[in-house]
């Protein structure tokens, strides 16, 4: 299914693939995220999130 972890640079409205691969790992849930479904990330922290649920958890951690 998933073959290789990609290295990504997260930009404000897009991301740049630094090292080719087909997925990244959510920094909160540790779920694999296919690059074609990657919609949530932090530019500041350079972290990917599986969904808005993980984004909300990360925001709660910061408080």
Protein backbone atom coordinates (compact mmCIF):
# COMPACT_ATOMS: atom_id res chain seq x y z
CA UNK A 1 0.00 0.00 0.00
CA UNK A 2 2.37 2.73 1.19
CA UNK A 3 5.85 2.36 -0.14
CA UNK A 4 8.05 5.30 0.84
CA UNK A 5 7.90 8.16 3.31
CA UNK A 6 8.15 11.53 1.57
CA UNK A 7 10.08 14.50 2.92
CA UNK A 8 8.06 17.67 2.58
CA UNK A 9 8.57 21.40 3.00
CA UNK A 10 5.24 22.86 4.10
CA UNK A 11 4.42 26.23 2.55
CA UNK A 12 1.48 28.61 3.27
CA UNK A 13 -0.82 27.32 0.51
CA UNK A 14 1.03 24.30 -0.81
CA UNK A 15 3.88 21.95 -0.06
CA UNK A 16 7.07 21.06 -1.83
CA UNK A 17 8.31 17.49 -2.07
CA UNK A 18 11.96 17.49 -1.01
CA UNK A 19 12.43 13.72 -1.19
CA UNK A 20 9.99 11.67 -3.24
CA UNK A 21 7.59 9.28 -1.58
CA UNK A 22 3.91 8.52 -1.45
CA UNK A 23 2.96 9.45 2.12
CA UNK A 24 3.80 11.35 5.32
CA UNK A 25 3.03 10.52 8.96
CA UNK A 26 0.63 12.64 11.05
CA UNK A 27 2.54 14.16 13.96
CA UNK A 28 -0.40 13.62 16.36
CA UNK A 29 -2.11 10.33 15.45
CA UNK A 30 0.84 8.71 13.62
CA UNK A 31 -1.55 7.75 10.79
CA UNK A 32 -0.13 7.53 7.29
CA UNK A 33 -1.37 10.29 4.97
CA UNK A 34 -1.16 9.76 1.20
CA UNK A 35 0.25 12.89 -0.42
CA UNK A 36 -2.83 13.25 -2.63
CA UNK A 37 -4.95 13.51 0.55
CA UNK A 38 -2.64 15.83 2.52
CA UNK A 39 -4.74 18.91 3.38
CA UNK A 40 -3.65 19.98 6.87
CA UNK A 41 -0.21 21.09 8.04
CA UNK A 42 1.64 23.73 10.02
CA UNK A 43 4.05 25.95 8.14
CA UNK A 44 5.49 27.26 11.41
CA UNK A 45 6.09 23.81 12.91
CA UNK A 46 6.59 21.96 9.59
CA UNK A 47 4.22 19.19 10.71
CA UNK A 48 1.47 17.31 8.83
CA UNK A 49 -1.93 16.46 10.32
CA UNK A 50 -4.30 13.68 9.25
CA UNK A 51 -7.46 15.78 9.64
CA UNK A 52 -8.99 18.80 11.36
CA UNK A 53 -9.35 16.62 14.49
CA UNK A 54 -5.57 16.39 14.87
CA UNK A 55 -5.23 20.11 14.15
CA UNK A 56 -7.63 20.82 17.03
CA UNK A 57 -5.67 18.51 19.35
CA UNK A 58 -2.44 20.32 18.46
CA UNK A 59 -4.06 23.69 19.21
CA UNK A 60 -5.20 22.38 22.61
CA UNK A 61 -1.65 21.23 23.37
CA UNK A 62 -0.36 24.77 22.77
CA UNK A 63 -2.69 26.30 25.38
